Amino acid sequence: MLERRWLTVKEAGQYLNLSPKTISDFCLRGLIPSIKLGHSRRIDLKALEAKLERQAGQVSGRGGKR
C-alpha cells in the first residue's frame, strides 16, 4: 500500500493544529515546504516532518529552553 505523501493546506492545518490561513501564510513565506499545482498548494509530508524534527533539535540544543 502506498503511503500518502502530499497534504492539502487544510490537511496540513489539521496535522499541525493550525488554521488553513496560517498554513497558507507559512507556505508563502517559505516556512513550510510546499509546491503549487494549478490553483492549489500541496505540502510534502516527509519534508514537513523533517523540518519539524530539525527545529525540535535546535530548540532542545539551546540550553534547555522550552
PDB file of N, CA and C in Angstrom:
ATOM      1  N   MET A   1       0.844  -1.182   0.000  1.00  0.00           N
ATOM      2  CA  MET A   1       0.000   0.000   0.000  1.00  0.00           C
ATOM      3  C   MET A   1       0.891   1.248   0.000  1.00  0.00           C
ATOM      4  N   LEU A   2       0.504   2.248  -0.765  1.00  0.00           N
ATOM      5  CA  LEU A   2       1.259   3.485  -0.843  1.00  0.00           C
ATOM      6  C   LEU A   2       0.916   4.400   0.318  1.00  0.00           C
ATOM      7  N   GLU A   3       1.958   4.994   0.885  1.00  0.00           N
ATOM      8  CA  GLU A   3       1.749   5.992   1.933  1.00  0.00           C
ATOM      9  C   GLU A   3       1.487   7.337   1.273  1.00  0.00           C
ATOM     10  N   ARG A   4       0.518   8.057   1.778  1.00  0.00           N
ATOM     11  CA  ARG A   4       0.196   9.364   1.219  1.00  0.00           C
ATOM     12  C   ARG A   4       1.310  10.342   1.555  1.00  0.00           C
ATOM     13  N   ARG A   5       1.804  11.054   0.555  1.00  0.00           N
ATOM     14  CA  ARG A   5       2.925  11.949   0.755  1.00  0.00           C
ATOM     15  C   ARG A   5       2.528  13.415   0.728  1.00  0.00           C
ATOM     16  N   TRP A   6       1.545  13.789  -0.072  1.00  0.00           N
ATOM     17  CA  TRP A   6       1.192  15.195  -0.258  1.00  0.00           C
ATOM     18  C   TRP A   6      -0.081  15.537   0.494  1.00  0.00           C
ATOM     19  N   LEU A   7      -0.047  16.630   1.250  1.00  0.00           N
ATOM     20  CA  LEU A   7      -1.192  17.094   2.009  1.00  0.00           C
ATOM     21  C   LEU A   7      -1.752  18.372   1.392  1.00  0.00           C
ATOM     22  N   THR A   8      -3.046  18.562   1.511  1.00  0.00           N
ATOM     23  CA  THR A   8      -3.641  19.848   1.163  1.00  0.00           C
ATOM     24  C   THR A   8      -3.341  20.814   2.306  1.00  0.00           C
ATOM     25  N   VAL A   9      -3.615  22.084   2.069  1.00  0.00           N
ATOM     26  CA  VAL A   9      -3.416  23.086   3.124  1.00  0.00           C
ATOM     27  C   VAL A   9      -4.313  22.758   4.322  1.00  0.00           C
ATOM     28  N   LYS A  10      -5.544  22.356   4.047  1.00  0.00           N
ATOM     29  CA  LYS A  10      -6.472  22.006   5.128  1.00  0.00           C
ATOM     30  C   LYS A  10      -5.958  20.815   5.935  1.00  0.00           C
ATOM     31  N   GLU A  11      -5.476  19.783   5.243  1.00  0.00           N
ATOM     32  CA  GLU A  11      -4.959  18.598   5.934  1.00  0.00           C
ATOM     33  C   GLU A  11      -3.718  18.930   6.760  1.00  0.00           C
ATOM     34  N   ALA A  12      -2.841  19.776   6.212  1.00  0.00           N
ATOM     35  CA  ALA A  12      -1.650  20.185   6.959  1.00  0.00           C
ATOM     36  C   ALA A  12      -2.049  20.975   8.200  1.00  0.00           C
ATOM     37  N   GLY A  13      -3.089  21.802   8.075  1.00  0.00           N
ATOM     38  CA  GLY A  13      -3.590  22.536   9.230  1.00  0.00           C
ATOM     39  C   GLY A  13      -4.108  21.604  10.312  1.00  0.00           C
ATOM     40  N   GLN A  14      -4.815  20.574   9.910  1.00  0.00           N
ATOM     41  CA  GLN A  14      -5.310  19.588  10.874  1.00  0.00           C
ATOM     42  C   GLN A  14      -4.149  18.836  11.504  1.00  0.00           C
ATOM     43  N   TYR A  15      -3.155  18.496  10.723  1.00  0.00           N
ATOM     44  CA  TYR A  15      -1.983  17.766  11.199  1.00  0.00           C
ATOM     45  C   TYR A  15      -1.218  18.583  12.248  1.00  0.00           C
ATOM     46  N   LEU A  16      -1.094  19.901  12.010  1.00  0.00           N
ATOM     47  CA  LEU A  16      -0.328  20.772  12.904  1.00  0.00           C
ATOM     48  C   LEU A  16      -1.206  21.537  13.897  1.00  0.00           C
ATOM     49  N   ASN A  17      -2.519  21.322  13.828  1.00  0.00           N
ATOM     50  CA  ASN A  17      -3.477  22.026  14.675  1.00  0.00           C
ATOM     51  C   ASN A  17      -3.374  23.545  14.482  1.00  0.00           C
ATOM     52  N   LEU A  18      -3.308  23.955  13.220  1.00  0.00           N
ATOM     53  CA  LEU A  18      -3.261  25.361  12.826  1.00  0.00           C
ATOM     54  C   LEU A  18      -4.343  25.602  11.780  1.00  0.00           C
ATOM     55  N   SER A  19      -4.730  26.845  11.623  1.00  0.00           N
ATOM     56  CA  SER A  19      -5.753  27.165  10.626  1.00  0.00           C
ATOM     57  C   SER A  19      -5.173  27.062   9.214  1.00  0.00           C
ATOM     58  N   PRO A  20      -6.014  26.790   8.226  1.00  0.00           N
ATOM     59  CA  PRO A  20      -5.542  26.778   6.838  1.00  0.00           C
ATOM     60  C   PRO A  20      -4.925  28.115   6.424  1.00  0.00           C
ATOM     61  N   LYS A  21      -5.449  29.216   6.930  1.00  0.00           N
ATOM     62  CA  LYS A  21      -4.891  30.537   6.621  1.00  0.00           C
ATOM     63  C   LYS A  21      -3.446  30.641   7.117  1.00  0.00           C
ATOM     64  N   THR A  22      -3.195  30.166   8.332  1.00  0.00           N
ATOM     65  CA  THR A  22      -1.841  30.184   8.883  1.00  0.00           C
ATOM     66  C   THR A  22      -0.915  29.309   8.049  1.00  0.00           C
ATOM     67  N   ILE A  23      -1.386  28.130   7.663  1.00  0.00           N
ATOM     68  CA  ILE A  23      -0.580  27.232   6.827  1.00  0.00           C
ATOM     69  C   ILE A  23      -0.259  27.913   5.498  1.00  0.00           C
ATOM     70  N   SER A  24      -1.251  28.529   4.868  1.00  0.00           N
ATOM     71  CA  SER A  24      -1.018  29.232   3.600  1.00  0.00           C
ATOM     72  C   SER A  24       0.020  30.339   3.771  1.00  0.00           C
ATOM     73  N   ASP A  25      -0.115  31.109   4.840  1.00  0.00           N
ATOM     74  CA  ASP A  25       0.852  32.179   5.103  1.00  0.00           C
ATOM     75  C   ASP A  25       2.260  31.614   5.282  1.00  0.00           C
ATOM     76  N   PHE A  26       2.379  30.532   6.051  1.00  0.00           N
ATOM     77  CA  PHE A  26       3.686  29.907   6.271  1.00  0.00           C
ATOM     78  C   PHE A  26       4.275  29.394   4.956  1.00  0.00           C
ATOM     79  N   CYS A  27       3.434  28.831   4.102  1.00  0.00           N
ATOM     80  CA  CYS A  27       3.900  28.344   2.801  1.00  0.00           C
ATOM     81  C   CYS A  27       4.417  29.502   1.950  1.00  0.00           C
ATOM     82  N   LEU A  28       3.654  30.585   1.896  1.00  0.00           N
ATOM     83  CA  LEU A  28       4.056  31.736   1.087  1.00  0.00           C
ATOM     84  C   LEU A  28       5.340  32.371   1.598  1.00  0.00           C
ATOM     85  N   ARG A  29       5.563  32.312   2.905  1.00  0.00           N
ATOM     86  CA  ARG A  29       6.781  32.875   3.500  1.00  0.00           C
ATOM     87  C   ARG A  29       7.952  31.891   3.465  1.00  0.00           C
ATOM     88  N   GLY A  30       7.718  30.669   2.986  1.00  0.00           N
ATOM     89  CA  GLY A  30       8.781  29.678   2.889  1.00  0.00           C
ATOM     90  C   GLY A  30       9.081  28.953   4.192  1.00  0.00           C
ATOM     91  N   LEU A  31       8.200  29.085   5.177  1.00  0.00           N
ATOM     92  CA  LEU A  31       8.412  28.421   6.459  1.00  0.00           C
ATOM     93  C   LEU A  31       7.987  26.958   6.438  1.00  0.00           C
ATOM     94  N   ILE A  32       7.093  26.632   5.518  1.00  0.00           N
ATOM     95  CA  ILE A  32       6.651  25.245   5.322  1.00  0.00           C
ATOM     96  C   ILE A  32       6.930  24.896   3.865  1.00  0.00           C
ATOM     97  N   PRO A  33       7.640  23.773   3.621  1.00  0.00           N
ATOM     98  CA  PRO A  33       7.927  23.385   2.237  1.00  0.00           C
ATOM     99  C   PRO A  33       6.651  22.995   1.499  1.00  0.00           C
ATOM    100  N   SER A  34       6.433  23.608   0.338  1.00  0.00           N
ATOM    101  CA  SER A  34       5.223  23.317  -0.425  1.00  0.00           C
ATOM    102  C   SER A  34       5.457  23.599  -1.904  1.00  0.00           C
ATOM    103  N   ILE A  35       4.508  23.119  -2.708  1.00  0.00           N
ATOM    104  CA  ILE A  35       4.520  23.408  -4.138  1.00  0.00           C
ATOM    105  C   ILE A  35       3.125  23.850  -4.532  1.00  0.00           C
ATOM    106  N   LYS A  36       3.039  24.571  -5.625  1.00  0.00           N
ATOM    107  CA  LYS A  36       1.745  24.999  -6.141  1.00  0.00           C
ATOM    108  C   LYS A  36       1.431  24.170  -7.377  1.00  0.00           C
ATOM    109  N   LEU A  37       0.253  23.571  -7.381  1.00  0.00           N
ATOM    110  CA  LEU A  37      -0.236  22.777  -8.509  1.00  0.00           C
ATOM    111  C   LEU A  37      -1.521  23.418  -8.989  1.00  0.00           C
ATOM    112  N   GLY A  38      -1.440  24.103 -10.100  1.00  0.00           N
ATOM    113  CA  GLY A  38      -2.616  24.814 -10.586  1.00  0.00           C
ATOM    114  C   GLY A  38      -3.023  25.896  -9.612  1.00  0.00           C
ATOM    115  N   HIS A  39      -4.245  25.800  -9.101  1.00  0.00           N
ATOM    116  CA  HIS A  39      -4.753  26.783  -8.150  1.00  0.00           C
ATOM    117  C   HIS A  39      -4.657  26.307  -6.714  1.00  0.00           C
ATOM    118  N   SER A  40      -4.032  25.174  -6.488  1.00  0.00           N
ATOM    119  CA  SER A  40      -3.945  24.654  -5.123  1.00  0.00           C
ATOM    120  C   SER A  40      -2.490  24.462  -4.706  1.00  0.00           C
ATOM    121  N   ARG A  41      -2.283  24.359  -3.425  1.00  0.00           N
ATOM    122  CA  ARG A  41      -0.953  24.188  -2.859  1.00  0.00           C
ATOM    123  C   ARG A  41      -0.903  22.833  -2.162  1.00  0.00           C
ATOM    124  N   ARG A  42       0.232  22.156  -2.287  1.00  0.00           N
ATOM    125  CA  ARG A  42       0.426  20.864  -1.633  1.00  0.00           C
ATOM    126  C   ARG A  42       1.682  20.914  -0.773  1.00  0.00           C
ATOM    127  N   ILE A  43       1.578  20.275   0.390  1.00  0.00           N
ATOM    128  CA  ILE A  43       2.677  20.236   1.336  1.00  0.00           C
ATOM    129  C   ILE A  43       3.221  18.818   1.353  1.00  0.00           C
ATOM    130  N   ASP A  44       4.528  18.704   1.196  1.00  0.00           N
ATOM    131  CA  ASP A  44       5.202  17.414   1.221  1.00  0.00           C
ATOM    132  C   ASP A  44       5.312  16.968   2.682  1.00  0.00           C
ATOM    133  N   LEU A  45       4.593  15.929   3.056  1.00  0.00           N
ATOM    134  CA  LEU A  45       4.552  15.466   4.438  1.00  0.00           C
ATOM    135  C   LEU A  45       5.942  15.085   4.949  1.00  0.00           C
ATOM    136  N   LYS A  46       6.718  14.384   4.144  1.00  0.00           N
ATOM    137  CA  LYS A  46       8.049  13.956   4.589  1.00  0.00           C
ATOM    138  C   LYS A  46       8.967  15.158   4.819  1.00  0.00           C
ATOM    139  N   ALA A  47       8.902  16.141   3.934  1.00  0.00           N
ATOM    140  CA  ALA A  47       9.725  17.344   4.098  1.00  0.00           C
ATOM    141  C   ALA A  47       9.261  18.144   5.313  1.00  0.00           C
ATOM    142  N   LEU A  48       7.964  18.208   5.535  1.00  0.00           N
ATOM    143  CA  LEU A  48       7.421  18.919   6.690  1.00  0.00           C
ATOM    144  C   LEU A  48       7.871  18.252   7.988  1.00  0.00           C
ATOM    145  N   GLU A  49       7.779  16.933   8.052  1.00  0.00           N
ATOM    146  CA  GLU A  49       8.211  16.218   9.252  1.00  0.00           C
ATOM    147  C   GLU A  49       9.707  16.392   9.488  1.00  0.00           C
ATOM    148  N   ALA A  50      10.505  16.371   8.416  1.00  0.00           N
ATOM    149  CA  ALA A  50      11.945  16.576   8.560  1.00  0.00           C
ATOM    150  C   ALA A  50      12.246  17.974   9.087  1.00  0.00           C
ATOM    151  N   LYS A  51      11.537  18.965   8.596  1.00  0.00           N
ATOM    152  CA  LYS A  51      11.729  20.345   9.068  1.00  0.00           C
ATOM    153  C   LYS A  51      11.357  20.462  10.543  1.00  0.00           C
ATOM    154  N   LEU A  52      10.263  19.849  10.945  1.00  0.00           N
ATOM    155  CA  LEU A  52       9.856  19.879  12.347  1.00  0.00           C
ATOM    156  C   LEU A  52      10.894  19.201  13.235  1.00  0.00           C
ATOM    157  N   GLU A  53      11.448  18.089  12.780  1.00  0.00           N
ATOM    158  CA  GLU A  53      12.488  17.386  13.545  1.00  0.00           C
ATOM    159  C   GLU A  53      13.729  18.258  13.711  1.00  0.00           C
ATOM    160  N   ARG A  54      14.143  18.938  12.631  1.00  0.00           N
ATOM    161  CA  ARG A  54      15.308  19.829  12.708  1.00  0.00           C
ATOM    162  C   ARG A  54      15.055  20.957  13.699  1.00  0.00           C
ATOM    163  N   GLN A  55      13.876  21.549  13.626  1.00  0.00           N
ATOM    164  CA  GLN A  55      13.555  22.652  14.530  1.00  0.00           C
ATOM    165  C   GLN A  55      13.472  22.179  15.976  1.00  0.00           C
ATOM    166  N   ALA A  56      12.931  21.001  16.202  1.00  0.00           N
ATOM    167  CA  ALA A  56      12.854  20.457  17.556  1.00  0.00           C
ATOM    168  C   ALA A  56      14.252  20.228  18.117  1.00  0.00           C
ATOM    169  N   GLY A  57      15.177  19.775  17.269  1.00  0.00           N
ATOM    170  CA  GLY A  57      16.556  19.568  17.697  1.00  0.00           C
ATOM    171  C   GLY A  57      17.248  20.879  18.024  1.00  0.00           C
ATOM    172  N   GLN A  58      16.938  21.937  17.293  1.00  0.00           N
ATOM    173  CA  GLN A  58      17.538  23.252  17.561  1.00  0.00           C
ATOM    174  C   GLN A  58      17.026  23.811  18.873  1.00  0.00           C
ATOM    175  N   VAL A  59      15.748  23.640  19.163  1.00  0.00           N
ATOM    176  CA  VAL A  59      15.171  24.171  20.389  1.00  0.00           C
ATOM    177  C   VAL A  59      15.769  23.459  21.592  1.00  0.00           C
ATOM    178  N   SER A  60      15.863  22.126  21.543  1.00  0.00           N
ATOM    179  CA  SER A  60      16.388  21.379  22.687  1.00  0.00           C
ATOM    180  C   SER A  60      17.886  21.587  22.847  1.00  0.00           C
ATOM    181  N   GLY A  61      18.567  22.041  21.797  1.00  0.00           N
ATOM    182  CA  GLY A  61      20.005  22.270  21.887  1.00  0.00           C
ATOM    183  C   GLY A  61      20.380  23.651  22.394  1.00  0.00           C
ATOM    184  N   ARG A  62      19.411  24.442  22.838  1.00  0.00           N
ATOM    185  CA  ARG A  62      19.682  25.816  23.306  1.00  0.00           C
ATOM    186  C   ARG A  62      19.646  25.925  24.820  1.00  0.00           C
ATOM    187  N   GLY A  63      20.411  25.104  25.490  1.00  0.00           N
ATOM    188  CA  GLY A  63      20.491  25.230  26.936  1.00  0.00           C
ATOM    189  C   GLY A  63      19.216  24.871  27.678  1.00  0.00           C
ATOM    190  N   GLY A  64      18.384  24.048  27.085  1.00  0.00           N
ATOM    191  CA  GLY A  64      17.187  23.570  27.744  1.00  0.00           C
ATOM    192  C   GLY A  64      16.003  24.513  27.698  1.00  0.00           C
ATOM    193  N   LYS A  65      16.069  25.583  26.919  1.00  0.00           N
ATOM    194  CA  LYS A  65      14.919  26.474  26.797  1.00  0.00           C
ATOM    195  C   LYS A  65      13.769  25.759  26.129  1.00  0.00           C
ATOM    196  N   ARG A  66      12.564  25.984  26.608  1.00  0.00           N
ATOM    197  CA  ARG A  66      11.393  25.349  26.022  1.00  0.00           C
ATOM    198  C   ARG A  66      10.328  26.330  25.741  1.00  0.00           C
TER     199      ARG A  66
END
